[in-house]
Amino acid sequence: RQAPGKEREFVGAITWIGGVTMYADS
């Protein structure tokens, strides 16, 4: 995600096969 005036930041991700996820603390 990217808010006005801010850098693009990571939110979350998932592996397509295993479905392993990770998220930003926020």
mmCIF file of all heavy atoms, coordinates in Angstrom:
data_MODEL
# 
_entry.id   MODEL 
# 
loop_
_atom_site.group_PDB 
_atom_site.id 
_atom_site.type_symbol 
_atom_site.label_atom_id 
_atom_site.label_alt_id 
_atom_site.label_comp_id 
_atom_site.label_asym_id 
_atom_site.label_entity_id 
_atom_site.label_seq_id 
_atom_site.pdbx_PDB_ins_code 
_atom_site.Cartn_x 
_atom_site.Cartn_y 
_atom_site.Cartn_z 
_atom_site.occupancy 
_atom_site.B_iso_or_equiv 
_atom_site.pdbx_formal_charge 
_atom_site.auth_seq_id 
_atom_site.auth_comp_id 
_atom_site.auth_asym_id 
_atom_site.auth_atom_id 
_atom_site.pdbx_PDB_model_num 
ATOM 1   N N   . ARG A 1 1  ? 0.834  -1.189  0.000  1.00 0.00 ? 1  ARG A N   1 
ATOM 2   C CA  . ARG A 1 1  ? 0.000  0.000   0.000  1.00 0.00 ? 1  ARG A CA  1 
ATOM 3   C C   . ARG A 1 1  ? 0.875  1.247   0.000  1.00 0.00 ? 1  ARG A C   1 
ATOM 4   O O   . ARG A 1 1  ? 2.011  1.229   0.437  1.00 0.00 ? 1  ARG A O   1 
ATOM 5   C CB  . ARG A 1 1  ? -0.944 0.019   1.205  1.00 0.00 ? 1  ARG A CB  1 
ATOM 6   C CG  . ARG A 1 1  ? -0.261 0.126   2.559  1.00 0.00 ? 1  ARG A CG  1 
ATOM 7   C CD  . ARG A 1 1  ? -1.277 -0.038  3.684  1.00 0.00 ? 1  ARG A CD  1 
ATOM 8   N NE  . ARG A 1 1  ? -0.684 0.130   4.992  1.00 0.00 ? 1  ARG A NE  1 
ATOM 9   C CZ  . ARG A 1 1  ? -1.321 -0.080  6.140  1.00 0.00 ? 1  ARG A CZ  1 
ATOM 10  N NH1 . ARG A 1 1  ? -2.604 -0.476  6.129  1.00 0.00 ? 1  ARG A NH1 1 
ATOM 11  N NH2 . ARG A 1 1  ? -0.694 0.099   7.294  1.00 0.00 ? 1  ARG A NH2 1 
ATOM 12  N N   . GLN A 1 2  ? 0.301  2.327   -0.503 1.00 0.00 ? 2  GLN A N   1 
ATOM 13  C CA  . GLN A 1 2  ? 1.021  3.582   -0.560 1.00 0.00 ? 2  GLN A CA  1 
ATOM 14  C C   . GLN A 1 2  ? 0.078  4.741   -0.263 1.00 0.00 ? 2  GLN A C   1 
ATOM 15  O O   . GLN A 1 2  ? -0.893 4.954   -0.977 1.00 0.00 ? 2  GLN A O   1 
ATOM 16  C CB  . GLN A 1 2  ? 1.681  3.775   -1.922 1.00 0.00 ? 2  GLN A CB  1 
ATOM 17  C CG  . GLN A 1 2  ? 2.609  4.970   -1.995 1.00 0.00 ? 2  GLN A CG  1 
ATOM 18  C CD  . GLN A 1 2  ? 3.504  4.932   -3.220 1.00 0.00 ? 2  GLN A CD  1 
ATOM 19  O OE1 . GLN A 1 2  ? 3.157  4.343   -4.238 1.00 0.00 ? 2  GLN A OE1 1 
ATOM 20  N NE2 . GLN A 1 2  ? 4.660  5.565   -3.124 1.00 0.00 ? 2  GLN A NE2 1 
ATOM 21  N N   . ALA A 1 3  ? 0.377  5.462   0.799  1.00 0.00 ? 3  ALA A N   1 
ATOM 22  C CA  . ALA A 1 3  ? -0.388 6.640   1.172  1.00 0.00 ? 3  ALA A CA  1 
ATOM 23  C C   . ALA A 1 3  ? 0.254  7.868   0.531  1.00 0.00 ? 3  ALA A C   1 
ATOM 24  O O   . ALA A 1 3  ? 1.447  7.847   0.211  1.00 0.00 ? 3  ALA A O   1 
ATOM 25  C CB  . ALA A 1 3  ? -0.421 6.786   2.685  1.00 0.00 ? 3  ALA A CB  1 
ATOM 26  N N   . PRO A 1 4  ? -0.507 8.948   0.347  1.00 0.00 ? 4  PRO A N   1 
ATOM 27  C CA  . PRO A 1 4  ? 0.046  10.156  -0.264 1.00 0.00 ? 4  PRO A CA  1 
ATOM 28  C C   . PRO A 1 4  ? 1.282  10.661  0.478  1.00 0.00 ? 4  PRO A C   1 
ATOM 29  O O   . PRO A 1 4  ? 1.266  10.782  1.701  1.00 0.00 ? 4  PRO A O   1 
ATOM 30  C CB  . PRO A 1 4  ? -1.099 11.163  -0.155 1.00 0.00 ? 4  PRO A CB  1 
ATOM 31  C CG  . PRO A 1 4  ? -2.324 10.313  -0.159 1.00 0.00 ? 4  PRO A CG  1 
ATOM 32  C CD  . PRO A 1 4  ? -1.947 9.094   0.638  1.00 0.00 ? 4  PRO A CD  1 
ATOM 33  N N   . GLY A 1 5  ? 2.339  10.920  -0.263 1.00 0.00 ? 5  GLY A N   1 
ATOM 34  C CA  . GLY A 1 5  ? 3.561  11.435  0.333  1.00 0.00 ? 5  GLY A CA  1 
ATOM 35  C C   . GLY A 1 5  ? 4.411  10.406  1.044  1.00 0.00 ? 5  GLY A C   1 
ATOM 36  O O   . GLY A 1 5  ? 5.442  10.761  1.627  1.00 0.00 ? 5  GLY A O   1 
ATOM 37  N N   . LYS A 1 6  ? 4.003  9.149   1.013  1.00 0.00 ? 6  LYS A N   1 
ATOM 38  C CA  . LYS A 1 6  ? 4.756  8.104   1.688  1.00 0.00 ? 6  LYS A CA  1 
ATOM 39  C C   . LYS A 1 6  ? 5.267  7.059   0.702  1.00 0.00 ? 6  LYS A C   1 
ATOM 40  O O   . LYS A 1 6  ? 4.794  6.967   -0.422 1.00 0.00 ? 6  LYS A O   1 
ATOM 41  C CB  . LYS A 1 6  ? 3.897  7.422   2.753  1.00 0.00 ? 6  LYS A CB  1 
ATOM 42  C CG  . LYS A 1 6  ? 3.571  8.297   3.944  1.00 0.00 ? 6  LYS A CG  1 
ATOM 43  C CD  . LYS A 1 6  ? 2.942  7.478   5.059  1.00 0.00 ? 6  LYS A CD  1 
ATOM 44  C CE  . LYS A 1 6  ? 2.774  8.283   6.322  1.00 0.00 ? 6  LYS A CE  1 
ATOM 45  N NZ  . LYS A 1 6  ? 2.231  7.453   7.433  1.00 0.00 ? 6  LYS A NZ  1 
ATOM 46  N N   . GLU A 1 7  ? 6.225  6.299   1.153  1.00 0.00 ? 7  GLU A N   1 
ATOM 47  C CA  . GLU A 1 7  ? 6.772  5.224   0.336  1.00 0.00 ? 7  GLU A CA  1 
ATOM 48  C C   . GLU A 1 7  ? 5.838  4.029   0.337  1.00 0.00 ? 7  GLU A C   1 
ATOM 49  O O   . GLU A 1 7  ? 5.036  3.854   1.246  1.00 0.00 ? 7  GLU A O   1 
ATOM 50  C CB  . GLU A 1 7  ? 8.145  4.797   0.873  1.00 0.00 ? 7  GLU A CB  1 
ATOM 51  C CG  . GLU A 1 7  ? 9.210  5.868   0.776  1.00 0.00 ? 7  GLU A CG  1 
ATOM 52  C CD  . GLU A 1 7  ? 10.557 5.406   1.310  1.00 0.00 ? 7  GLU A CD  1 
ATOM 53  O OE1 . GLU A 1 7  ? 10.634 4.274   1.849  1.00 0.00 ? 7  GLU A OE1 1 
ATOM 54  O OE2 . GLU A 1 7  ? 11.523 6.159   1.178  1.00 0.00 ? 7  GLU A OE2 1 
ATOM 55  N N   . ARG A 1 8  ? 5.949  3.229   -0.693 1.00 0.00 ? 8  ARG A N   1 
ATOM 56  C CA  . ARG A 1 8  ? 5.167  2.015   -0.762 1.00 0.00 ? 8  ARG A CA  1 
ATOM 57  C C   . ARG A 1 8  ? 5.624  1.059   0.340  1.00 0.00 ? 8  ARG A C   1 
ATOM 58  O O   . ARG A 1 8  ? 6.824  0.840   0.513  1.00 0.00 ? 8  ARG A O   1 
ATOM 59  C CB  . ARG A 1 8  ? 5.325  1.362   -2.133 1.00 0.00 ? 8  ARG A CB  1 
ATOM 60  C CG  . ARG A 1 8  ? 4.390  0.192   -2.383 1.00 0.00 ? 8  ARG A CG  1 
ATOM 61  C CD  . ARG A 1 8  ? 4.353  -0.178  -3.859 1.00 0.00 ? 8  ARG A CD  1 
ATOM 62  N NE  . ARG A 1 8  ? 3.843  0.923   -4.673 1.00 0.00 ? 8  ARG A NE  1 
ATOM 63  C CZ  . ARG A 1 8  ? 3.572  0.831   -5.966 1.00 0.00 ? 8  ARG A CZ  1 
ATOM 64  N NH1 . ARG A 1 8  ? 3.765  -0.320  -6.607 1.00 0.00 ? 8  ARG A NH1 1 
ATOM 65  N NH2 . ARG A 1 8  ? 3.124  1.885   -6.628 1.00 0.00 ? 8  ARG A NH2 1 
ATOM 66  N N   . GLU A 1 9  ? 4.666  0.502   1.072  1.00 0.00 ? 9  GLU A N   1 
ATOM 67  C CA  . GLU A 1 9  ? 5.012  -0.381  2.166  1.00 0.00 ? 9  GLU A CA  1 
ATOM 68  C C   . GLU A 1 9  ? 4.353  -1.749  2.043  1.00 0.00 ? 9  GLU A C   1 
ATOM 69  O O   . GLU A 1 9  ? 3.264  -1.895  1.492  1.00 0.00 ? 9  GLU A O   1 
ATOM 70  C CB  . GLU A 1 9  ? 4.656  0.250   3.516  1.00 0.00 ? 9  GLU A CB  1 
ATOM 71  C CG  . GLU A 1 9  ? 3.172  0.421   3.759  1.00 0.00 ? 9  GLU A CG  1 
ATOM 72  C CD  . GLU A 1 9  ? 2.850  0.877   5.172  1.00 0.00 ? 9  GLU A CD  1 
ATOM 73  O OE1 . GLU A 1 9  ? 3.614  0.564   6.096  1.00 0.00 ? 9  GLU A OE1 1 
ATOM 74  O OE2 . GLU A 1 9  ? 1.814  1.559   5.343  1.00 0.00 ? 9  GLU A OE2 1 
ATOM 75  N N   . PHE A 1 10 ? 5.028  -2.721  2.588  1.00 0.00 ? 10 PHE A N   1 
ATOM 76  C CA  . PHE A 1 10 ? 4.561  -4.092  2.585  1.00 0.00 ? 10 PHE A CA  1 
ATOM 77  C C   . PHE A 1 10 ? 3.365  -4.266  3.505  1.00 0.00 ? 10 PHE A C   1 
ATOM 78  O O   . PHE A 1 10 ? 3.342  -3.735  4.610  1.00 0.00 ? 10 PHE A O   1 
ATOM 79  C CB  . PHE A 1 10 ? 5.700  -5.010  3.031  1.00 0.00 ? 10 PHE A CB  1 
ATOM 80  C CG  . PHE A 1 10 ? 5.304  -6.440  3.234  1.00 0.00 ? 10 PHE A CG  1 
ATOM 81  C CD1 . PHE A 1 10 ? 5.130  -7.291  2.156  1.00 0.00 ? 10 PHE A CD1 1 
ATOM 82  C CD2 . PHE A 1 10 ? 5.118  -6.937  4.511  1.00 0.00 ? 10 PHE A CD2 1 
ATOM 83  C CE1 . PHE A 1 10 ? 4.774  -8.615  2.338  1.00 0.00 ? 10 PHE A CE1 1 
ATOM 84  C CE2 . PHE A 1 10 ? 4.764  -8.256  4.717  1.00 0.00 ? 10 PHE A CE2 1 
ATOM 85  C CZ  . PHE A 1 10 ? 4.590  -9.100  3.617  1.00 0.00 ? 10 PHE A CZ  1 
ATOM 86  N N   . VAL A 1 11 ? 2.376  -5.024  3.052  1.00 0.00 ? 11 VAL A N   1 
ATOM 87  C CA  . VAL A 1 11 ? 1.204  -5.343  3.862  1.00 0.00 ? 11 VAL A CA  1 
ATOM 88  C C   . VAL A 1 11 ? 1.212  -6.823  4.239  1.00 0.00 ? 11 VAL A C   1 
ATOM 89  O O   . VAL A 1 11 ? 1.111  -7.185  5.406  1.00 0.00 ? 11 VAL A O   1 
ATOM 90  C CB  . VAL A 1 11 ? -0.105 -5.000  3.130  1.00 0.00 ? 11 VAL A CB  1 
ATOM 91  C CG1 . VAL A 1 11 ? -1.319 -5.475  3.934  1.00 0.00 ? 11 VAL A CG1 1 
ATOM 92  C CG2 . VAL A 1 11 ? -0.195 -3.499  2.874  1.00 0.00 ? 11 VAL A CG2 1 
ATOM 93  N N   . GLY A 1 12 ? 1.326  -7.684  3.243  1.00 0.00 ? 12 GLY A N   1 
ATOM 94  C CA  . GLY A 1 12 ? 1.341  -9.110  3.482  1.00 0.00 ? 12 GLY A CA  1 
ATOM 95  C C   . GLY A 1 12 ? 1.674  -9.875  2.223  1.00 0.00 ? 12 GLY A C   1 
ATOM 96  O O   . GLY A 1 12 ? 1.658  -9.330  1.125  1.00 0.00 ? 12 GLY A O   1 
ATOM 97  N N   . ALA A 1 13 ? 1.968  -11.161 2.381  1.00 0.00 ? 13 ALA A N   1 
ATOM 98  C CA  . ALA A 1 13 ? 2.296  -12.007 1.242  1.00 0.00 ? 13 ALA A CA  1 
ATOM 99  C C   . ALA A 1 13 ? 1.868  -13.435 1.515  1.00 0.00 ? 13 ALA A C   1 
ATOM 100 O O   . ALA A 1 13 ? 1.677  -13.833 2.672  1.00 0.00 ? 13 ALA A O   1 
ATOM 101 C CB  . ALA A 1 13 ? 3.792  -11.947 0.939  1.00 0.00 ? 13 ALA A CB  1 
ATOM 102 N N   . ILE A 1 14 ? 1.742  -14.204 0.450  1.00 0.00 ? 14 ILE A N   1 
ATOM 103 C CA  . ILE A 1 14 ? 1.335  -15.596 0.559  1.00 0.00 ? 14 ILE A CA  1 
ATOM 104 C C   . ILE A 1 14 ? 2.026  -16.419 -0.514 1.00 0.00 ? 14 ILE A C   1 
ATOM 105 O O   . ILE A 1 14 ? 2.195  -15.965 -1.643 1.00 0.00 ? 14 ILE A O   1 
ATOM 106 C CB  . ILE A 1 14 ? -0.206 -15.726 0.452  1.00 0.00 ? 14 ILE A CB  1 
ATOM 107 C CG1 . ILE A 1 14 ? -0.676 -17.157 0.747  1.00 0.00 ? 14 ILE A CG1 1 
ATOM 108 C CG2 . ILE A 1 14 ? -0.692 -15.266 -0.926 1.00 0.00 ? 14 ILE A CG2 1 
ATOM 109 C CD1 . ILE A 1 14 ? -2.180 -17.278 0.931  1.00 0.00 ? 14 ILE A CD1 1 
ATOM 110 N N   . THR A 1 15 ? 2.434  -17.632 -0.174 1.00 0.00 ? 15 THR A N   1 
ATOM 111 C CA  . THR A 1 15 ? 2.974  -18.539 -1.175 1.00 0.00 ? 15 THR A CA  1 
ATOM 112 C C   . THR A 1 15 ? 1.811  -19.235 -1.849 1.00 0.00 ? 15 THR A C   1 
ATOM 113 O O   . THR A 1 15 ? 0.845  -19.632 -1.195 1.00 0.00 ? 15 THR A O   1 
ATOM 114 C CB  . THR A 1 15 ? 3.922  -19.580 -0.554 1.00 0.00 ? 15 THR A CB  1 
ATOM 115 O OG1 . THR A 1 15 ? 3.221  -20.383 0.406  1.00 0.00 ? 15 THR A OG1 1 
ATOM 116 C CG2 . THR A 1 15 ? 5.103  -18.895 0.130  1.00 0.00 ? 15 THR A CG2 1 
ATOM 117 N N   . TRP A 1 16 ? 1.880  -19.369 -3.165 1.00 0.00 ? 16 TRP A N   1 
ATOM 118 C CA  . TRP A 1 16 ? 0.740  -19.853 -3.930 1.00 0.00 ? 16 TRP A CA  1 
ATOM 119 C C   . TRP A 1 16 ? 0.375  -21.300 -3.647 1.00 0.00 ? 16 TRP A C   1 
ATOM 120 O O   . TRP A 1 16 ? -0.796 -21.647 -3.582 1.00 0.00 ? 16 TRP A O   1 
ATOM 121 C CB  . TRP A 1 16 ? 0.996  -19.662 -5.420 1.00 0.00 ? 16 TRP A CB  1 
ATOM 122 C CG  . TRP A 1 16 ? -0.264 -19.605 -6.215 1.00 0.00 ? 16 TRP A CG  1 
ATOM 123 C CD1 . TRP A 1 16 ? -0.676 -20.480 -7.166 1.00 0.00 ? 16 TRP A CD1 1 
ATOM 124 C CD2 . TRP A 1 16 ? -1.290 -18.610 -6.112 1.00 0.00 ? 16 TRP A CD2 1 
ATOM 125 N NE1 . TRP A 1 16 ? -1.888 -20.104 -7.674 1.00 0.00 ? 16 TRP A NE1 1 
ATOM 126 C CE2 . TRP A 1 16 ? -2.296 -18.962 -7.049 1.00 0.00 ? 16 TRP A CE2 1 
ATOM 127 C CE3 . TRP A 1 16 ? -1.464 -17.459 -5.330 1.00 0.00 ? 16 TRP A CE3 1 
ATOM 128 C CZ2 . TRP A 1 16 ? -3.458 -18.199 -7.212 1.00 0.00 ? 16 TRP A CZ2 1 
ATOM 129 C CZ3 . TRP A 1 16 ? -2.617 -16.706 -5.486 1.00 0.00 ? 16 TRP A CZ3 1 
ATOM 130 C CH2 . TRP A 1 16 ? -3.587 -17.077 -6.421 1.00 0.00 ? 16 TRP A CH2 1 
ATOM 131 N N   . ILE A 1 17 ? 1.357  -22.143 -3.487 1.00 0.00 ? 17 ILE A N   1 
ATOM 132 C CA  . ILE A 1 17 ? 1.095  -23.561 -3.257 1.00 0.00 ? 17 ILE A CA  1 
ATOM 133 C C   . ILE A 1 17 ? 0.842  -23.875 -1.789 1.00 0.00 ? 17 ILE A C   1 
ATOM 134 O O   . ILE A 1 17 ? -0.187 -24.453 -1.432 1.00 0.00 ? 17 ILE A O   1 
ATOM 135 C CB  . ILE A 1 17 ? 2.252  -24.439 -3.779 1.00 0.00 ? 17 ILE A CB  1 
ATOM 136 C CG1 . ILE A 1 17 ? 2.406  -24.272 -5.297 1.00 0.00 ? 17 ILE A CG1 1 
ATOM 137 C CG2 . ILE A 1 17 ? 2.007  -25.903 -3.431 1.00 0.00 ? 17 ILE A CG2 1 
ATOM 138 C CD1 . ILE A 1 17 ? 1.177  -24.668 -6.097 1.00 0.00 ? 17 ILE A CD1 1 
ATOM 139 N N   . GLY A 1 18 ? 1.769  -23.513 -0.928 1.00 0.00 ? 18 GLY A N   1 
ATOM 140 C CA  . GLY A 1 18 ? 1.652  -23.859 0.478  1.00 0.00 ? 18 GLY A CA  1 
ATOM 141 C C   . GLY A 1 18 ? 0.726  -22.977 1.294  1.00 0.00 ? 18 GLY A C   1 
ATOM 142 O O   . GLY A 1 18 ? 0.278  -23.372 2.371  1.00 0.00 ? 18 GLY A O   1 
ATOM 143 N N   . GLY A 1 19 ? 0.449  -21.781 0.807  1.00 0.00 ? 19 GLY A N   1 
ATOM 144 C CA  . GLY A 1 19 ? -0.416 -20.876 1.530  1.00 0.00 ? 19 GLY A CA  1 
ATOM 145 C C   . GLY A 1 19 ? 0.212  -20.278 2.780  1.00 0.00 ? 19 GLY A C   1 
ATOM 146 O O   . GLY A 1 19 ? -0.497 -19.832 3.690  1.00 0.00 ? 19 GLY A O   1 
ATOM 147 N N   . VAL A 1 20 ? 1.528  -20.276 2.836  1.00 0.00 ? 20 VAL A N   1 
ATOM 148 C CA  . VAL A 1 20 ? 2.225  -19.666 3.962  1.00 0.00 ? 20 VAL A CA  1 
ATOM 149 C C   . VAL A 1 20 ? 2.101  -18.155 3.856  1.00 0.00 ? 20 VAL A C   1 
ATOM 150 O O   . VAL A 1 20 ? 2.291  -17.589 2.784  1.00 0.00 ? 20 VAL A O   1 
ATOM 151 C CB  . VAL A 1 20 ? 3.710  -20.068 3.986  1.00 0.00 ? 20 VAL A CB  1 
ATOM 152 C CG1 . VAL A 1 20 ? 4.439  -19.398 5.141  1.00 0.00 ? 20 VAL A CG1 1 
ATOM 153 C CG2 . VAL A 1 20 ? 3.847  -21.578 4.083  1.00 0.00 ? 20 VAL A CG2 1 
ATOM 154 N N   . THR A 1 21 ? 1.774  -17.519 4.958  1.00 0.00 ? 21 THR A N   1 
ATOM 155 C CA  . THR A 1 21 ? 1.560  -16.071 4.951  1.00 0.00 ? 21 THR A CA  1 
ATOM 156 C C   . THR A 1 21 ? 2.508  -15.340 5.880  1.00 0.00 ? 21 THR A C   1 
ATOM 157 O O   . THR A 1 21 ? 3.041  -15.910 6.824  1.00 0.00 ? 21 THR A O   1 
ATOM 158 C CB  . THR A 1 21 ? 0.120  -15.718 5.350  1.00 0.00 ? 21 THR A CB  1 
ATOM 159 O OG1 . THR A 1 21 ? -0.161 -16.262 6.642  1.00 0.00 ? 21 THR A OG1 1 
ATOM 160 C CG2 . THR A 1 21 ? -0.879 -16.267 4.346  1.00 0.00 ? 21 THR A CG2 1 
ATOM 161 N N   . MET A 1 22 ? 2.697  -14.070 5.608  1.00 0.00 ? 22 MET A N   1 
ATOM 162 C CA  . MET A 1 22 ? 3.395  -13.180 6.507  1.00 0.00 ? 22 MET A CA  1 
ATOM 163 C C   . MET A 1 22 ? 2.762  -11.802 6.376  1.00 0.00 ? 22 MET A C   1 
ATOM 164 O O   . MET A 1 22 ? 2.240  -11.446 5.320  1.00 0.00 ? 22 MET A O   1 
ATOM 165 C CB  . MET A 1 22 ? 4.899  -13.139 6.228  1.00 0.00 ? 22 MET A CB  1 
ATOM 166 C CG  . MET A 1 22 ? 5.300  -12.688 4.842  1.00 0.00 ? 22 MET A CG  1 
ATOM 167 S SD  . MET A 1 22 ? 7.118  -12.616 4.695  1.00 0.00 ? 22 MET A SD  1 
ATOM 168 C CE  . MET A 1 22 ? 7.284  -12.326 2.937  1.00 0.00 ? 22 MET A CE  1 
ATOM 169 N N   . TYR A 1 23 ? 2.822  -11.042 7.473  1.00 0.00 ? 23 TYR A N   1 
ATOM 170 C CA  . TYR A 1 23 ? 2.162  -9.750  7.520  1.00 0.00 ? 23 TYR A CA  1 
ATOM 171 C C   . TYR A 1 23 ? 3.036  -8.690  8.157  1.00 0.00 ? 23 TYR A C   1 
ATOM 172 O O   . TYR A 1 23 ? 3.890  -8.987  8.991  1.00 0.00 ? 23 TYR A O   1 
ATOM 173 C CB  . TYR A 1 23 ? 0.869  -9.830  8.334  1.00 0.00 ? 23 TYR A CB  1 
ATOM 174 C CG  . TYR A 1 23 ? -0.142 -10.817 7.826  1.00 0.00 ? 23 TYR A CG  1 
ATOM 175 C CD1 . TYR A 1 23 ? -0.154 -12.132 8.278  1.00 0.00 ? 23 TYR A CD1 1 
ATOM 176 C CD2 . TYR A 1 23 ? -1.105 -10.429 6.897  1.00 0.00 ? 23 TYR A CD2 1 
ATOM 177 C CE1 . TYR A 1 23 ? -1.094 -13.040 7.808  1.00 0.00 ? 23 TYR A CE1 1 
ATOM 178 C CE2 . TYR A 1 23 ? -2.044 -11.332 6.430  1.00 0.00 ? 23 TYR A CE2 1 
ATOM 179 C CZ  . TYR A 1 23 ? -2.038 -12.632 6.890  1.00 0.00 ? 23 TYR A CZ  1 
ATOM 180 O OH  . TYR A 1 23 ? -2.969 -13.528 6.427  1.00 0.00 ? 23 TYR A OH  1 
ATOM 181 N N   . ALA A 1 24 ? 2.776  -7.458  7.782  1.00 0.00 ? 24 ALA A N   1 
ATOM 182 C CA  . ALA A 1 24 ? 3.406  -6.341  8.464  1.00 0.00 ? 24 ALA A CA  1 
ATOM 183 C C   . ALA A 1 24 ? 2.827  -6.262  9.873  1.00 0.00 ? 24 ALA A C   1 
ATOM 184 O O   . ALA A 1 24 ? 1.659  -6.595  10.092 1.00 0.00 ? 24 ALA A O   1 
ATOM 185 C CB  . ALA A 1 24 ? 3.145  -5.042  7.712  1.00 0.00 ? 24 ALA A CB  1 
ATOM 186 N N   . ASP A 1 25 ? 3.636  -5.825  10.818 1.00 0.00 ? 25 ASP A N   1 
ATOM 187 C CA  . ASP A 1 25 ? 3.170  -5.726  12.201 1.00 0.00 ? 25 ASP A CA  1 
ATOM 188 C C   . ASP A 1 25 ? 1.934  -4.835  12.334 1.00 0.00 ? 25 ASP A C   1 
ATOM 189 O O   . ASP A 1 25 ? 1.072  -5.077  13.182 1.00 0.00 ? 25 ASP A O   1 
ATOM 190 C CB  . ASP A 1 25 ? 4.280  -5.184  13.094 1.00 0.00 ? 25 ASP A CB  1 
ATOM 191 C CG  . ASP A 1 25 ? 5.395  -6.182  13.315 1.00 0.00 ? 25 ASP A CG  1 
ATOM 192 O OD1 . ASP A 1 25 ? 5.172  -7.392  13.125 1.00 0.00 ? 25 ASP A OD1 1 
ATOM 193 O OD2 . ASP A 1 25 ? 6.506  -5.749  13.689 1.00 0.00 ? 25 ASP A OD2 1 
ATOM 194 N N   . SER A 1 26 ? 1.841  -3.824  11.513 1.00 0.00 ? 26 SER A N   1 
ATOM 195 C CA  . SER A 1 26 ? 0.749  -2.870  11.593 1.00 0.00 ? 26 SER A CA  1 
ATOM 196 C C   . SER A 1 26 ? -0.618 -3.459  11.245 1.00 0.00 ? 26 SER A C   1 
ATOM 197 O O   . SER A 1 26 ? -1.647 -2.881  11.591 1.00 0.00 ? 26 SER A O   1 
ATOM 198 C CB  . SER A 1 26 ? 1.029  -1.664  10.686 1.00 0.00 ? 26 SER A CB  1 
ATOM 199 O OG  . SER A 1 26 ? 1.191  -2.065  9.343  1.00 0.00 ? 26 SER A OG  1 
# 
